[in-house]
Amino acid sequence: MALTILQSAALYFGMVFGAGFVFGVIRTLWVVPLVGVMWAELLEAPLMLAVIVVAARSVVRRFELASRPVALAVGIAALALLLCAELSLVLGLRDISLDDYFASRDPISGPVYLLMLLAFVLMPLVAARKGERDR
């Protein structure tokens, strides 16, 4: 079961992180100059939520994650991978400390980002519960 959790979490992380990386490049290069950081991040959030939903459903179906604790473990493990990758990339590319990174977050889009992380953790559980009801 542990291998299934790790494989599921790695795939889920990869799908969401890959899309987030592409959206982040587009946001930074083209959207931020047009509307500013806050609005660019807020415009990106619904797109990322859609990616999270599709990725979670796909992983739950592919690995047949019917157990709620297993689905939640997948979300938590994927979050650990996401935070490690994101923080190492952000801190490495921007050459700033963790404190400076959190201080630089927008006061409006920053909490939205935290809600997106919560959705990322919980979505495999939601998808597994939906799959239970559909059976």
N, C-alpha and C. Protein backbone atom coordinates (compact mmCIF):
# COMPACT_ATOMS: atom_id res chain seq x y z
N MET A 1 0.82 -1.20 0.00
CA MET A 1 0.00 0.00 0.00
C MET A 1 0.87 1.26 0.00
N ALA A 2 1.99 1.22 0.72
CA ALA A 2 2.87 2.39 0.78
C ALA A 2 3.39 2.74 -0.60
N LEU A 3 3.71 1.73 -1.40
CA LEU A 3 4.19 1.98 -2.76
C LEU A 3 3.10 2.62 -3.62
N THR A 4 1.87 2.17 -3.45
CA THR A 4 0.75 2.77 -4.18
C THR A 4 0.58 4.23 -3.80
N ILE A 5 0.70 4.52 -2.50
CA ILE A 5 0.57 5.91 -2.05
C ILE A 5 1.66 6.77 -2.66
N LEU A 6 2.90 6.28 -2.63
CA LEU A 6 4.02 7.06 -3.18
C LEU A 6 3.89 7.24 -4.69
N GLN A 7 3.52 6.19 -5.39
CA GLN A 7 3.35 6.31 -6.84
C GLN A 7 2.21 7.27 -7.19
N SER A 8 1.10 7.13 -6.48
CA SER A 8 -0.04 8.01 -6.72
C SER A 8 0.31 9.46 -6.42
N ALA A 9 0.98 9.67 -5.28
CA ALA A 9 1.37 11.03 -4.88
C ALA A 9 2.34 11.63 -5.88
N ALA A 10 3.29 10.83 -6.37
CA ALA A 10 4.27 11.33 -7.33
C ALA A 10 3.59 11.73 -8.64
N LEU A 11 2.65 10.91 -9.11
CA LEU A 11 1.94 11.25 -10.34
C LEU A 11 1.07 12.48 -10.15
N TYR A 12 0.34 12.53 -9.05
CA TYR A 12 -0.52 13.68 -8.75
C TYR A 12 0.31 14.96 -8.66
N PHE A 13 1.39 14.89 -7.90
CA PHE A 13 2.30 16.03 -7.79
C PHE A 13 2.80 16.45 -9.17
N GLY A 14 3.27 15.48 -9.95
CA GLY A 14 3.84 15.80 -11.26
C GLY A 14 2.86 16.48 -12.20
N MET A 15 1.63 15.99 -12.20
CA MET A 15 0.61 16.59 -13.07
C MET A 15 0.33 18.03 -12.67
N VAL A 16 0.13 18.25 -11.37
CA VAL A 16 -0.21 19.59 -10.90
C VAL A 16 0.99 20.52 -10.97
N PHE A 17 2.16 20.04 -10.58
CA PHE A 17 3.34 20.89 -10.62
C PHE A 17 3.70 21.26 -12.06
N GLY A 18 3.58 20.31 -12.97
CA GLY A 18 3.87 20.58 -14.38
C GLY A 18 2.97 21.67 -14.94
N ALA A 19 1.67 21.54 -14.68
CA ALA A 19 0.73 22.56 -15.14
C ALA A 19 1.02 23.90 -14.46
N GLY A 20 1.29 23.85 -13.16
CA GLY A 20 1.60 25.08 -12.42
C GLY A 20 2.85 25.77 -12.94
N PHE A 21 3.82 24.97 -13.34
CA PHE A 21 5.05 25.55 -13.89
C PHE A 21 4.75 26.28 -15.20
N VAL A 22 3.98 25.64 -16.07
CA VAL A 22 3.62 26.27 -17.35
C VAL A 22 2.79 27.53 -17.10
N PHE A 23 1.77 27.42 -16.24
CA PHE A 23 0.96 28.60 -15.92
C PHE A 23 1.79 29.70 -15.28
N GLY A 24 2.75 29.32 -14.44
CA GLY A 24 3.60 30.30 -13.78
C GLY A 24 4.46 31.09 -14.75
N VAL A 25 4.97 30.40 -15.76
CA VAL A 25 5.77 31.10 -16.79
C VAL A 25 4.88 32.07 -17.55
N ILE A 26 3.71 31.61 -17.95
CA ILE A 26 2.78 32.48 -18.68
C ILE A 26 2.38 33.67 -17.81
N ARG A 27 2.05 33.39 -16.54
CA ARG A 27 1.65 34.46 -15.61
C ARG A 27 2.76 35.49 -15.46
N THR A 28 3.97 35.02 -15.21
CA THR A 28 5.08 35.92 -14.94
C THR A 28 5.47 36.74 -16.17
N LEU A 29 5.53 36.11 -17.31
CA LEU A 29 6.02 36.80 -18.51
C LEU A 29 4.96 37.67 -19.19
N TRP A 30 3.71 37.22 -19.17
CA TRP A 30 2.71 37.93 -19.97
C TRP A 30 1.56 38.54 -19.18
N VAL A 31 1.09 37.87 -18.14
CA VAL A 31 -0.09 38.37 -17.44
C VAL A 31 0.27 39.42 -16.39
N VAL A 32 1.33 39.19 -15.62
CA VAL A 32 1.73 40.17 -14.60
C VAL A 32 1.97 41.56 -15.18
N PRO A 33 2.69 41.68 -16.31
CA PRO A 33 2.89 43.03 -16.87
C PRO A 33 1.58 43.73 -17.26
N LEU A 34 0.55 42.94 -17.57
CA LEU A 34 -0.73 43.53 -17.98
C LEU A 34 -1.61 43.92 -16.80
N VAL A 35 -1.66 43.07 -15.77
CA VAL A 35 -2.64 43.30 -14.70
C VAL A 35 -2.04 43.36 -13.31
N GLY A 36 -0.77 43.08 -13.15
CA GLY A 36 -0.13 43.09 -11.84
C GLY A 36 -0.12 41.71 -11.20
N VAL A 37 0.68 41.57 -10.15
CA VAL A 37 0.89 40.28 -9.52
C VAL A 37 -0.40 39.73 -8.91
N MET A 38 -1.09 40.54 -8.12
CA MET A 38 -2.28 40.05 -7.43
C MET A 38 -3.31 39.51 -8.41
N TRP A 39 -3.67 40.30 -9.41
CA TRP A 39 -4.70 39.87 -10.35
C TRP A 39 -4.24 38.68 -11.18
N ALA A 40 -2.96 38.64 -11.53
CA ALA A 40 -2.44 37.51 -12.29
C ALA A 40 -2.56 36.22 -11.48
N GLU A 41 -2.22 36.28 -10.19
CA GLU A 41 -2.33 35.10 -9.34
C GLU A 41 -3.79 34.71 -9.14
N LEU A 42 -4.66 35.68 -8.98
CA LEU A 42 -6.08 35.38 -8.81
C LEU A 42 -6.70 34.80 -10.08
N LEU A 43 -6.25 35.25 -11.24
CA LEU A 43 -6.74 34.70 -12.51
C LEU A 43 -6.24 33.26 -12.72
N GLU A 44 -5.07 32.97 -12.22
CA GLU A 44 -4.49 31.64 -12.37
C GLU A 44 -5.17 30.61 -11.46
N ALA A 45 -5.68 31.04 -10.31
CA ALA A 45 -6.22 30.12 -9.31
C ALA A 45 -7.33 29.19 -9.84
N PRO A 46 -8.33 29.69 -10.57
CA PRO A 46 -9.37 28.76 -11.06
C PRO A 46 -8.82 27.74 -12.06
N LEU A 47 -7.83 28.15 -12.84
CA LEU A 47 -7.21 27.21 -13.78
C LEU A 47 -6.50 26.10 -13.02
N MET A 48 -5.78 26.49 -11.97
CA MET A 48 -5.08 25.49 -11.16
C MET A 48 -6.07 24.59 -10.43
N LEU A 49 -7.19 25.14 -9.98
CA LEU A 49 -8.19 24.31 -9.32
C LEU A 49 -8.73 23.25 -10.30
N ALA A 50 -8.96 23.65 -11.53
CA ALA A 50 -9.42 22.69 -12.54
C ALA A 50 -8.38 21.59 -12.77
N VAL A 51 -7.11 21.97 -12.82
CA VAL A 51 -6.03 20.99 -12.97
C VAL A 51 -6.01 20.04 -11.78
N ILE A 52 -6.16 20.58 -10.58
CA ILE A 52 -6.16 19.77 -9.36
C ILE A 52 -7.30 18.75 -9.40
N VAL A 53 -8.49 19.19 -9.79
CA VAL A 53 -9.65 18.29 -9.86
C VAL A 53 -9.41 17.17 -10.87
N VAL A 54 -8.97 17.54 -12.06
CA VAL A 54 -8.75 16.54 -13.11
C VAL A 54 -7.63 15.58 -12.71
N ALA A 55 -6.55 16.10 -12.15
CA ALA A 55 -5.43 15.25 -11.75
C ALA A 55 -5.84 14.29 -10.63
N ALA A 56 -6.57 14.80 -9.64
CA ALA A 56 -7.00 13.94 -8.53
C ALA A 56 -7.92 12.82 -9.03
N ARG A 57 -8.87 13.17 -9.87
CA ARG A 57 -9.78 12.15 -10.41
C ARG A 57 -9.01 11.10 -11.20
N SER A 58 -8.07 11.56 -12.00
CA SER A 58 -7.27 10.65 -12.82
C SER A 58 -6.46 9.69 -11.95
N VAL A 59 -5.83 10.20 -10.92
CA VAL A 59 -5.00 9.37 -10.04
C VAL A 59 -5.87 8.39 -9.25
N VAL A 60 -7.00 8.86 -8.76
CA VAL A 60 -7.90 7.98 -8.00
C VAL A 60 -8.39 6.83 -8.88
N ARG A 61 -8.74 7.14 -10.13
CA ARG A 61 -9.19 6.09 -11.06
C ARG A 61 -8.05 5.14 -11.42
N ARG A 62 -6.90 5.71 -11.75
CA ARG A 62 -5.77 4.88 -12.22
C ARG A 62 -5.29 3.91 -11.14
N PHE A 63 -5.22 4.38 -9.90
CA PHE A 63 -4.71 3.54 -8.82
C PHE A 63 -5.82 2.93 -7.97
N GLU A 64 -7.07 3.13 -8.40
CA GLU A 64 -8.24 2.58 -7.71
C GLU A 64 -8.18 2.87 -6.21
N LEU A 65 -8.05 4.14 -5.88
CA LEU A 65 -7.95 4.58 -4.49
C LEU A 65 -9.35 4.69 -3.88
N ALA A 66 -9.83 3.59 -3.36
CA ALA A 66 -11.17 3.57 -2.78
C ALA A 66 -11.16 3.90 -1.29
N SER A 67 -10.04 3.69 -0.63
CA SER A 67 -9.94 3.93 0.80
C SER A 67 -9.72 5.41 1.08
N ARG A 68 -10.55 5.97 1.95
CA ARG A 68 -10.41 7.40 2.28
C ARG A 68 -9.07 7.71 2.94
N PRO A 69 -8.60 6.90 3.90
CA PRO A 69 -7.29 7.21 4.49
C PRO A 69 -6.15 7.17 3.47
N VAL A 70 -6.23 6.24 2.53
CA VAL A 70 -5.20 6.15 1.50
C VAL A 70 -5.26 7.38 0.59
N ALA A 71 -6.44 7.77 0.20
CA ALA A 71 -6.59 8.96 -0.66
C ALA A 71 -6.07 10.21 0.04
N LEU A 72 -6.36 10.33 1.33
CA LEU A 72 -5.84 11.47 2.09
C LEU A 72 -4.32 11.40 2.21
N ALA A 73 -3.78 10.22 2.40
CA ALA A 73 -2.32 10.06 2.47
C ALA A 73 -1.68 10.46 1.16
N VAL A 74 -2.33 10.16 0.04
CA VAL A 74 -1.83 10.58 -1.26
C VAL A 74 -1.76 12.10 -1.33
N GLY A 75 -2.82 12.78 -0.89
CA GLY A 75 -2.84 14.24 -0.90
C GLY A 75 -1.75 14.84 -0.04
N ILE A 76 -1.55 14.26 1.15
CA ILE A 76 -0.53 14.78 2.07
C ILE A 76 0.87 14.55 1.51
N ALA A 77 1.11 13.35 0.97
CA ALA A 77 2.43 13.07 0.38
C ALA A 77 2.70 13.95 -0.83
N ALA A 78 1.68 14.17 -1.64
CA ALA A 78 1.83 15.04 -2.81
C ALA A 78 2.11 16.47 -2.38
N LEU A 79 1.48 16.92 -1.30
CA LEU A 79 1.75 18.26 -0.78
C LEU A 79 3.20 18.38 -0.33
N ALA A 80 3.71 17.36 0.34
CA ALA A 80 5.11 17.40 0.77
C ALA A 80 6.03 17.53 -0.44
N LEU A 81 5.76 16.77 -1.49
CA LEU A 81 6.56 16.88 -2.72
C LEU A 81 6.43 18.26 -3.34
N LEU A 82 5.21 18.76 -3.39
CA LEU A 82 4.96 20.07 -3.99
C LEU A 82 5.69 21.18 -3.25
N LEU A 83 5.59 21.17 -1.93
CA LEU A 83 6.25 22.22 -1.14
C LEU A 83 7.76 22.14 -1.26
N CYS A 84 8.32 20.94 -1.25
CA CYS A 84 9.77 20.80 -1.42
C CYS A 84 10.21 21.35 -2.77
N ALA A 85 9.51 20.95 -3.81
CA ALA A 85 9.89 21.40 -5.16
C ALA A 85 9.68 22.90 -5.32
N GLU A 86 8.52 23.37 -4.90
CA GLU A 86 8.20 24.77 -5.10
C GLU A 86 9.13 25.68 -4.30
N LEU A 87 9.34 25.36 -3.05
CA LEU A 87 10.20 26.21 -2.23
C LEU A 87 11.66 26.16 -2.67
N SER A 88 12.13 24.99 -3.07
CA SER A 88 13.52 24.94 -3.53
C SER A 88 13.68 25.70 -4.85
N LEU A 89 12.69 25.60 -5.73
CA LEU A 89 12.78 26.35 -6.99
C LEU A 89 12.66 27.85 -6.74
N VAL A 90 11.65 28.24 -5.98
CA VAL A 90 11.41 29.67 -5.74
C VAL A 90 12.58 30.29 -4.99
N LEU A 91 12.99 29.64 -3.92
CA LEU A 91 14.08 30.20 -3.12
C LEU A 91 15.40 30.16 -3.90
N GLY A 92 15.59 29.12 -4.68
CA GLY A 92 16.81 29.02 -5.48
C GLY A 92 16.86 30.02 -6.62
N LEU A 93 15.76 30.15 -7.34
CA LEU A 93 15.74 31.07 -8.49
C LEU A 93 15.76 32.53 -8.06
N ARG A 94 15.04 32.83 -6.99
CA ARG A 94 14.95 34.22 -6.54
C ARG A 94 16.04 34.58 -5.54
N ASP A 95 16.77 33.58 -5.05
CA ASP A 95 17.86 33.79 -4.09
C ASP A 95 17.41 34.62 -2.89
N ILE A 96 16.31 34.17 -2.26
CA ILE A 96 15.79 34.85 -1.08
C ILE A 96 15.57 33.83 0.04
N SER A 97 15.43 34.32 1.25
CA SER A 97 15.18 33.44 2.38
C SER A 97 13.70 33.06 2.42
N LEU A 98 13.39 32.04 3.22
CA LEU A 98 12.01 31.61 3.38
C LEU A 98 11.16 32.72 4.00
N ASP A 99 11.72 33.42 4.97
CA ASP A 99 11.00 34.54 5.59
C ASP A 99 10.69 35.63 4.57
N ASP A 100 11.68 35.96 3.73
CA ASP A 100 11.46 36.98 2.70
C ASP A 100 10.41 36.54 1.70
N TYR A 101 10.41 35.25 1.39
CA TYR A 101 9.42 34.72 0.46
C TYR A 101 8.01 34.92 1.00
N PHE A 102 7.78 34.52 2.25
CA PHE A 102 6.45 34.67 2.84
C PHE A 102 6.07 36.15 3.00
N ALA A 103 7.03 36.98 3.32
CA ALA A 103 6.77 38.42 3.48
C ALA A 103 6.41 39.06 2.13
N SER A 104 6.90 38.48 1.04
CA SER A 104 6.64 39.06 -0.28
C SER A 104 5.30 38.64 -0.87
N ARG A 105 4.60 37.69 -0.23
CA ARG A 105 3.31 37.24 -0.75
C ARG A 105 2.28 38.37 -0.68
N ASP A 106 1.46 38.45 -1.68
CA ASP A 106 0.40 39.45 -1.73
C ASP A 106 -0.63 39.15 -0.63
N PRO A 107 -1.11 40.19 0.07
CA PRO A 107 -2.06 39.94 1.17
C PRO A 107 -3.41 39.39 0.73
N ILE A 108 -3.75 39.52 -0.54
CA ILE A 108 -5.03 38.99 -1.02
C ILE A 108 -4.83 37.65 -1.74
N SER A 109 -3.91 37.61 -2.68
CA SER A 109 -3.71 36.36 -3.41
C SER A 109 -2.94 35.33 -2.60
N GLY A 110 -2.21 35.75 -1.57
CA GLY A 110 -1.49 34.82 -0.71
C GLY A 110 -2.42 33.84 0.00
N PRO A 111 -3.48 34.32 0.66
CA PRO A 111 -4.43 33.38 1.27
C PRO A 111 -5.15 32.49 0.25
N VAL A 112 -5.37 33.00 -0.96
CA VAL A 112 -5.98 32.17 -2.00
C VAL A 112 -5.03 31.01 -2.33
N TYR A 113 -3.75 31.30 -2.37
CA TYR A 113 -2.74 30.27 -2.61
C TYR A 113 -2.82 29.20 -1.51
N LEU A 114 -2.96 29.61 -0.27
CA LEU A 114 -3.07 28.65 0.84
C LEU A 114 -4.33 27.80 0.70
N LEU A 115 -5.43 28.40 0.26
CA LEU A 115 -6.65 27.63 0.02
C LEU A 115 -6.46 26.62 -1.12
N MET A 116 -5.69 27.01 -2.11
CA MET A 116 -5.39 26.09 -3.22
C MET A 116 -4.57 24.90 -2.72
N LEU A 117 -3.64 25.15 -1.80
CA LEU A 117 -2.87 24.04 -1.22
C LEU A 117 -3.79 23.10 -0.44
N LEU A 118 -4.75 23.67 0.28
CA LEU A 118 -5.71 22.84 1.00
C LEU A 118 -6.55 22.01 0.02
N ALA A 119 -6.99 22.62 -1.06
CA ALA A 119 -7.74 21.90 -2.09
C ALA A 119 -6.88 20.78 -2.68
N PHE A 120 -5.61 21.06 -2.90
CA PHE A 120 -4.67 20.07 -3.45
C PHE A 120 -4.58 18.85 -2.53
N VAL A 121 -4.50 19.08 -1.22
CA VAL A 121 -4.41 17.98 -0.26
C VAL A 121 -5.71 17.17 -0.23
N LEU A 122 -6.83 17.84 -0.22
CA LEU A 122 -8.11 17.17 0.00
C LEU A 122 -8.75 16.58 -1.27
N MET A 123 -8.33 17.02 -2.45
CA MET A 123 -9.02 16.60 -3.67
C MET A 123 -8.95 15.10 -3.93
N PRO A 124 -7.85 14.39 -3.65
CA PRO A 124 -7.92 12.93 -3.84
C PRO A 124 -8.97 12.28 -2.93
N LEU A 125 -9.13 12.79 -1.73
CA LEU A 125 -10.16 12.28 -0.82
C LEU A 125 -11.54 12.54 -1.40
N VAL A 126 -11.78 13.74 -1.89
CA VAL A 126 -13.07 14.08 -2.50
C VAL A 126 -13.33 13.19 -3.72
N ALA A 127 -12.31 12.99 -4.54
CA ALA A 127 -12.47 12.16 -5.74
C ALA A 127 -12.74 10.71 -5.36
N ALA A 128 -12.09 10.22 -4.31
CA ALA A 128 -12.32 8.84 -3.87
C ALA A 128 -13.73 8.67 -3.33
N ARG A 129 -14.22 9.66 -2.59
CA ARG A 129 -15.59 9.59 -2.06
C ARG A 129 -16.61 9.63 -3.19
N LYS A 130 -16.33 10.45 -4.22
CA LYS A 130 -17.24 10.51 -5.37
C LYS A 130 -17.25 9.16 -6.09
N GLY A 131 -16.08 8.57 -6.22
CA GLY A 131 -15.98 7.26 -6.84
C GLY A 131 -16.74 6.19 -6.08
N GLU A 132 -16.72 6.29 -4.74
CA GLU A 132 -17.50 5.38 -3.90
C GLU A 132 -18.98 5.48 -4.21
N ARG A 133 -19.46 6.70 -4.33
CA ARG A 133 -20.90 6.93 -4.56
C ARG A 133 -21.31 6.45 -5.95
N ASP A 134 -20.38 6.53 -6.92
CA ASP A 134 -20.70 6.14 -8.30
C ASP A 134 -20.74 4.62 -8.48
N ARG A 135 -20.18 3.89 -7.54
CA ARG A 135 -20.15 2.41 -7.69
C ARG A 135 -21.45 1.79 -7.35
